């Protein structure tokens, strides 16, 4: 078991890693701050995999017991709307990177 100091150090390293990869051309990191309006009450993590053909998009939903893959048009529309809502309230890439650095310094 790690000490609180070790936990903070691990978190600082993870935040530094996020900040470093956020400079890559193919990576975008945008933070939804706690002060942002509520987007959804859903707490299930999900991955939206989209591409040039929207008909082939897929959503992977993780829960405590299994993983589900969703590809029905109605389901995709729901998750597209959720992703859009999150983008609308998220900080831009530069502000997100700045917030990550600030949090790392405060730890």
N, C-alpha and C. Protein backbone atom coordinates (compact mmCIF):
# COMPACT_ATOMS: atom_id res chain seq x y z
N UNK A 1 0.83 -1.17 0.00
CA UNK A 1 0.00 0.00 0.00
C UNK A 1 0.88 1.24 0.00
N UNK A 2 0.53 2.21 -0.86
CA UNK A 2 1.31 3.44 -0.97
C UNK A 2 0.93 4.44 0.11
N UNK A 3 1.91 5.24 0.46
CA UNK A 3 1.66 6.33 1.40
C UNK A 3 0.96 7.46 0.64
N UNK A 4 0.32 8.39 1.35
CA UNK A 4 -0.30 9.55 0.68
C UNK A 4 0.71 10.32 -0.18
N UNK A 5 1.95 10.43 0.31
CA UNK A 5 2.97 11.12 -0.48
C UNK A 5 3.22 10.39 -1.79
N UNK A 6 3.35 9.07 -1.72
CA UNK A 6 3.59 8.28 -2.94
C UNK A 6 2.41 8.39 -3.90
N UNK A 7 1.20 8.39 -3.38
CA UNK A 7 0.01 8.55 -4.23
C UNK A 7 0.03 9.89 -4.96
N UNK A 8 0.39 10.95 -4.25
CA UNK A 8 0.48 12.27 -4.88
C UNK A 8 1.55 12.28 -5.96
N UNK A 9 2.67 11.61 -5.69
CA UNK A 9 3.75 11.57 -6.67
C UNK A 9 3.30 10.83 -7.93
N UNK A 10 2.61 9.73 -7.76
CA UNK A 10 2.10 8.97 -8.91
C UNK A 10 1.13 9.82 -9.71
N UNK A 11 0.24 10.54 -9.02
CA UNK A 11 -0.72 11.39 -9.71
C UNK A 11 -0.01 12.52 -10.46
N UNK A 12 1.00 13.13 -9.85
CA UNK A 12 1.77 14.16 -10.55
C UNK A 12 2.40 13.61 -11.82
N UNK A 13 2.95 12.40 -11.73
CA UNK A 13 3.57 11.77 -12.91
C UNK A 13 2.53 11.51 -14.00
N UNK A 14 1.34 11.06 -13.61
CA UNK A 14 0.28 10.82 -14.59
C UNK A 14 -0.16 12.12 -15.25
N UNK A 15 -0.29 13.17 -14.46
CA UNK A 15 -0.67 14.46 -15.03
C UNK A 15 0.41 15.00 -15.96
N UNK A 16 1.68 14.83 -15.59
CA UNK A 16 2.78 15.25 -16.46
C UNK A 16 2.76 14.48 -17.77
N UNK A 17 2.45 13.21 -17.70
CA UNK A 17 2.36 12.39 -18.91
C UNK A 17 1.22 12.88 -19.81
N UNK A 18 0.06 13.18 -19.21
CA UNK A 18 -1.06 13.71 -20.00
C UNK A 18 -0.68 15.02 -20.67
N UNK A 19 -0.05 15.90 -19.92
CA UNK A 19 0.36 17.19 -20.48
C UNK A 19 1.35 16.99 -21.63
N UNK A 20 2.25 16.05 -21.48
CA UNK A 20 3.25 15.79 -22.52
C UNK A 20 2.60 15.26 -23.81
N UNK A 21 1.72 14.29 -23.68
CA UNK A 21 1.11 13.73 -24.89
C UNK A 21 0.11 14.69 -25.52
N UNK A 22 -0.38 15.67 -24.75
CA UNK A 22 -1.35 16.62 -25.30
C UNK A 22 -0.73 17.51 -26.38
N UNK A 23 0.59 17.53 -26.47
CA UNK A 23 1.26 18.31 -27.52
C UNK A 23 1.34 17.55 -28.84
N UNK A 24 1.03 16.27 -28.83
CA UNK A 24 1.08 15.50 -30.06
C UNK A 24 -0.04 15.93 -31.00
N UNK A 25 0.25 15.87 -32.28
CA UNK A 25 -0.72 16.30 -33.29
C UNK A 25 -1.98 15.44 -33.31
N UNK A 26 -1.84 14.16 -33.00
CA UNK A 26 -2.98 13.24 -33.08
C UNK A 26 -3.69 13.03 -31.73
N UNK A 27 -3.38 13.88 -30.74
CA UNK A 27 -3.99 13.75 -29.41
C UNK A 27 -4.64 15.07 -29.03
N UNK A 28 -5.88 14.97 -28.56
CA UNK A 28 -6.58 16.14 -28.03
C UNK A 28 -7.07 15.79 -26.64
N UNK A 29 -6.69 16.61 -25.68
CA UNK A 29 -7.16 16.42 -24.31
C UNK A 29 -7.92 17.68 -23.93
N UNK A 30 -9.19 17.48 -23.56
CA UNK A 30 -10.03 18.59 -23.13
C UNK A 30 -10.68 18.20 -21.81
N UNK A 31 -10.55 19.08 -20.83
CA UNK A 31 -11.04 18.82 -19.48
C UNK A 31 -12.42 19.45 -19.31
N UNK A 32 -13.33 18.68 -18.73
CA UNK A 32 -14.63 19.22 -18.32
C UNK A 32 -14.47 19.58 -16.85
N UNK A 33 -14.42 20.88 -16.53
CA UNK A 33 -14.19 21.27 -15.14
C UNK A 33 -15.42 21.01 -14.26
N UNK A 34 -15.19 20.88 -12.97
CA UNK A 34 -16.28 20.65 -12.03
C UNK A 34 -17.28 21.80 -12.05
N UNK A 35 -16.84 22.98 -12.46
CA UNK A 35 -17.73 24.15 -12.49
C UNK A 35 -18.62 24.19 -13.72
N UNK A 36 -18.41 23.28 -14.66
CA UNK A 36 -19.22 23.26 -15.89
C UNK A 36 -20.64 22.81 -15.58
N UNK A 37 -21.59 23.26 -16.39
CA UNK A 37 -22.96 22.78 -16.22
C UNK A 37 -23.00 21.26 -16.37
N UNK A 38 -23.93 20.64 -15.68
CA UNK A 38 -24.06 19.19 -15.75
C UNK A 38 -24.48 18.78 -17.15
N UNK A 39 -23.76 17.83 -17.70
CA UNK A 39 -24.05 17.34 -19.04
C UNK A 39 -24.99 16.14 -18.96
N UNK A 40 -24.70 15.26 -18.02
CA UNK A 40 -25.49 14.04 -17.87
C UNK A 40 -25.32 13.50 -16.47
N UNK A 41 -26.25 12.69 -16.07
CA UNK A 41 -26.10 12.04 -14.77
C UNK A 41 -25.47 10.65 -14.93
N UNK A 42 -25.17 10.28 -16.15
CA UNK A 42 -24.55 8.98 -16.42
C UNK A 42 -23.14 8.96 -15.85
N UNK A 43 -22.81 7.87 -15.19
CA UNK A 43 -21.45 7.73 -14.66
C UNK A 43 -20.73 6.55 -15.30
N UNK A 44 -21.34 5.97 -16.31
CA UNK A 44 -20.69 4.85 -16.97
C UNK A 44 -19.67 5.36 -17.99
N UNK A 45 -18.45 4.85 -17.92
CA UNK A 45 -17.48 5.24 -18.93
C UNK A 45 -17.88 4.67 -20.29
N UNK A 46 -17.56 5.41 -21.33
CA UNK A 46 -17.84 4.91 -22.67
C UNK A 46 -16.77 5.41 -23.63
N UNK A 47 -16.64 4.72 -24.73
CA UNK A 47 -15.74 5.11 -25.80
C UNK A 47 -16.57 5.23 -27.07
N UNK A 48 -16.47 6.38 -27.72
CA UNK A 48 -17.17 6.57 -28.99
C UNK A 48 -16.14 6.46 -30.09
N UNK A 49 -16.28 5.46 -30.92
CA UNK A 49 -15.36 5.25 -32.04
C UNK A 49 -16.09 5.65 -33.32
N UNK A 50 -15.65 6.75 -33.91
CA UNK A 50 -16.29 7.25 -35.11
C UNK A 50 -15.28 7.43 -36.22
N UNK A 51 -15.79 7.55 -37.42
CA UNK A 51 -14.92 7.72 -38.56
C UNK A 51 -15.65 8.41 -39.70
N UNK A 52 -15.09 8.29 -40.89
CA UNK A 52 -15.67 8.99 -42.03
C UNK A 52 -17.06 8.47 -42.44
N UNK A 53 -17.38 7.24 -42.09
CA UNK A 53 -18.70 6.68 -42.39
C UNK A 53 -19.47 6.53 -41.09
N UNK A 54 -20.36 7.48 -40.77
CA UNK A 54 -21.09 7.45 -39.49
C UNK A 54 -21.86 6.15 -39.26
N UNK A 55 -22.24 5.47 -40.32
CA UNK A 55 -22.98 4.21 -40.17
C UNK A 55 -22.13 3.14 -39.49
N UNK A 56 -20.83 3.29 -39.52
CA UNK A 56 -19.93 2.30 -38.93
C UNK A 56 -19.50 2.67 -37.51
N UNK A 57 -19.96 3.81 -37.00
CA UNK A 57 -19.60 4.22 -35.65
C UNK A 57 -20.07 3.17 -34.64
N UNK A 58 -19.36 3.11 -33.52
CA UNK A 58 -19.69 2.17 -32.45
C UNK A 58 -19.42 2.83 -31.11
N UNK A 59 -20.25 2.50 -30.14
CA UNK A 59 -20.04 2.98 -28.77
C UNK A 59 -19.78 1.76 -27.89
N UNK A 60 -18.71 1.85 -27.12
CA UNK A 60 -18.40 0.80 -26.15
C UNK A 60 -18.76 1.35 -24.78
N UNK A 61 -19.67 0.68 -24.07
CA UNK A 61 -20.11 1.11 -22.74
C UNK A 61 -19.60 0.09 -21.73
N UNK A 62 -18.89 0.57 -20.73
CA UNK A 62 -18.35 -0.30 -19.68
C UNK A 62 -19.20 -0.16 -18.43
N UNK A 63 -19.49 -1.27 -17.78
CA UNK A 63 -20.13 -1.21 -16.48
C UNK A 63 -19.45 -2.22 -15.56
N UNK A 64 -19.96 -2.39 -14.38
CA UNK A 64 -19.31 -3.24 -13.39
C UNK A 64 -19.26 -4.71 -13.79
N UNK A 65 -20.12 -5.13 -14.71
CA UNK A 65 -20.23 -6.55 -15.01
C UNK A 65 -19.77 -6.96 -16.40
N UNK A 66 -19.85 -6.04 -17.36
CA UNK A 66 -19.44 -6.41 -18.71
C UNK A 66 -19.23 -5.17 -19.57
N UNK A 67 -19.00 -5.41 -20.84
CA UNK A 67 -18.82 -4.37 -21.83
C UNK A 67 -19.88 -4.58 -22.90
N UNK A 68 -20.53 -3.48 -23.30
CA UNK A 68 -21.53 -3.57 -24.36
C UNK A 68 -21.09 -2.73 -25.54
N UNK A 69 -21.39 -3.20 -26.73
CA UNK A 69 -21.11 -2.46 -27.95
C UNK A 69 -22.44 -2.06 -28.57
N UNK A 70 -22.59 -0.77 -28.83
CA UNK A 70 -23.84 -0.25 -29.36
C UNK A 70 -23.60 0.30 -30.77
N UNK A 71 -24.48 -0.05 -31.69
CA UNK A 71 -24.31 0.48 -33.04
C UNK A 71 -25.64 0.80 -33.73
N UNK A 72 -26.75 0.71 -32.99
CA UNK A 72 -28.05 1.07 -33.56
C UNK A 72 -28.10 2.59 -33.73
N UNK A 73 -28.74 3.05 -34.79
CA UNK A 73 -28.79 4.47 -35.11
C UNK A 73 -29.29 5.30 -33.93
N UNK A 74 -30.36 4.89 -33.28
CA UNK A 74 -30.92 5.66 -32.15
C UNK A 74 -29.91 5.74 -31.01
N UNK A 75 -29.22 4.65 -30.73
CA UNK A 75 -28.22 4.65 -29.66
C UNK A 75 -27.06 5.58 -30.02
N UNK A 76 -26.60 5.50 -31.26
CA UNK A 76 -25.50 6.35 -31.70
C UNK A 76 -25.88 7.82 -31.60
N UNK A 77 -27.10 8.16 -32.00
CA UNK A 77 -27.54 9.56 -31.92
C UNK A 77 -27.52 10.06 -30.48
N UNK A 78 -27.92 9.22 -29.54
CA UNK A 78 -27.89 9.61 -28.13
C UNK A 78 -26.47 9.91 -27.69
N UNK A 79 -25.53 9.04 -28.05
CA UNK A 79 -24.14 9.25 -27.64
C UNK A 79 -23.49 10.38 -28.42
N UNK A 80 -23.86 10.60 -29.68
CA UNK A 80 -23.35 11.76 -30.42
C UNK A 80 -23.77 13.04 -29.72
N UNK A 81 -25.01 13.10 -29.27
CA UNK A 81 -25.51 14.28 -28.56
C UNK A 81 -24.76 14.47 -27.24
N UNK A 82 -24.47 13.38 -26.54
CA UNK A 82 -23.74 13.46 -25.28
C UNK A 82 -22.31 13.96 -25.52
N UNK A 83 -21.64 13.44 -26.55
CA UNK A 83 -20.28 13.88 -26.87
C UNK A 83 -20.29 15.37 -27.23
N UNK A 84 -21.27 15.79 -28.02
CA UNK A 84 -21.37 17.21 -28.38
C UNK A 84 -21.56 18.07 -27.13
N UNK A 85 -22.44 17.65 -26.23
CA UNK A 85 -22.68 18.41 -25.00
C UNK A 85 -21.41 18.52 -24.17
N UNK A 86 -20.63 17.45 -24.10
CA UNK A 86 -19.37 17.49 -23.35
C UNK A 86 -18.37 18.43 -24.01
N UNK A 87 -18.31 18.38 -25.35
CA UNK A 87 -17.40 19.30 -26.06
C UNK A 87 -17.79 20.76 -25.81
N UNK A 88 -19.10 21.01 -25.74
CA UNK A 88 -19.58 22.37 -25.55
C UNK A 88 -19.17 22.96 -24.20
N UNK A 89 -19.03 22.14 -23.17
CA UNK A 89 -18.70 22.65 -21.84
C UNK A 89 -17.23 22.45 -21.47
N UNK A 90 -16.49 21.69 -22.26
CA UNK A 90 -15.09 21.41 -21.95
C UNK A 90 -14.21 22.63 -22.24
N UNK A 91 -13.14 22.73 -21.49
CA UNK A 91 -12.13 23.75 -21.77
C UNK A 91 -11.46 23.43 -23.10
N UNK A 92 -10.92 24.42 -23.78
CA UNK A 92 -10.19 24.12 -25.00
C UNK A 92 -8.87 23.43 -24.63
N UNK A 93 -8.14 22.99 -25.64
CA UNK A 93 -6.92 22.21 -25.38
C UNK A 93 -5.90 22.98 -24.56
N UNK A 94 -5.70 24.23 -24.89
CA UNK A 94 -4.70 25.04 -24.18
C UNK A 94 -5.10 25.26 -22.72
N UNK A 95 -6.35 25.61 -22.49
CA UNK A 95 -6.83 25.81 -21.11
C UNK A 95 -6.81 24.50 -20.33
N UNK A 96 -7.10 23.40 -20.99
CA UNK A 96 -7.05 22.09 -20.33
C UNK A 96 -5.63 21.76 -19.90
N UNK A 97 -4.68 21.99 -20.80
CA UNK A 97 -3.27 21.74 -20.48
C UNK A 97 -2.83 22.60 -19.30
N UNK A 98 -3.25 23.86 -19.30
CA UNK A 98 -2.91 24.77 -18.21
C UNK A 98 -3.49 24.29 -16.89
N UNK A 99 -4.74 23.84 -16.91
CA UNK A 99 -5.37 23.32 -15.69
C UNK A 99 -4.64 22.08 -15.19
N UNK A 100 -4.25 21.20 -16.09
CA UNK A 100 -3.51 19.99 -15.71
C UNK A 100 -2.20 20.38 -15.02
N UNK A 101 -1.48 21.36 -15.58
CA UNK A 101 -0.22 21.81 -14.96
C UNK A 101 -0.50 22.41 -13.57
N UNK A 102 -1.55 23.20 -13.45
CA UNK A 102 -1.88 23.83 -12.18
C UNK A 102 -2.18 22.79 -11.11
N UNK A 103 -2.98 21.81 -11.47
CA UNK A 103 -3.34 20.75 -10.51
C UNK A 103 -2.09 19.98 -10.09
N UNK A 104 -1.22 19.68 -11.05
CA UNK A 104 0.01 18.93 -10.73
C UNK A 104 0.88 19.72 -9.76
N UNK A 105 0.99 21.05 -9.96
CA UNK A 105 1.79 21.87 -9.06
C UNK A 105 1.21 21.92 -7.66
N UNK A 106 -0.13 21.89 -7.56
CA UNK A 106 -0.79 21.99 -6.26
C UNK A 106 -0.75 20.71 -5.46
N UNK A 107 -0.37 19.62 -6.08
CA UNK A 107 -0.37 18.33 -5.39
C UNK A 107 0.88 18.18 -4.54
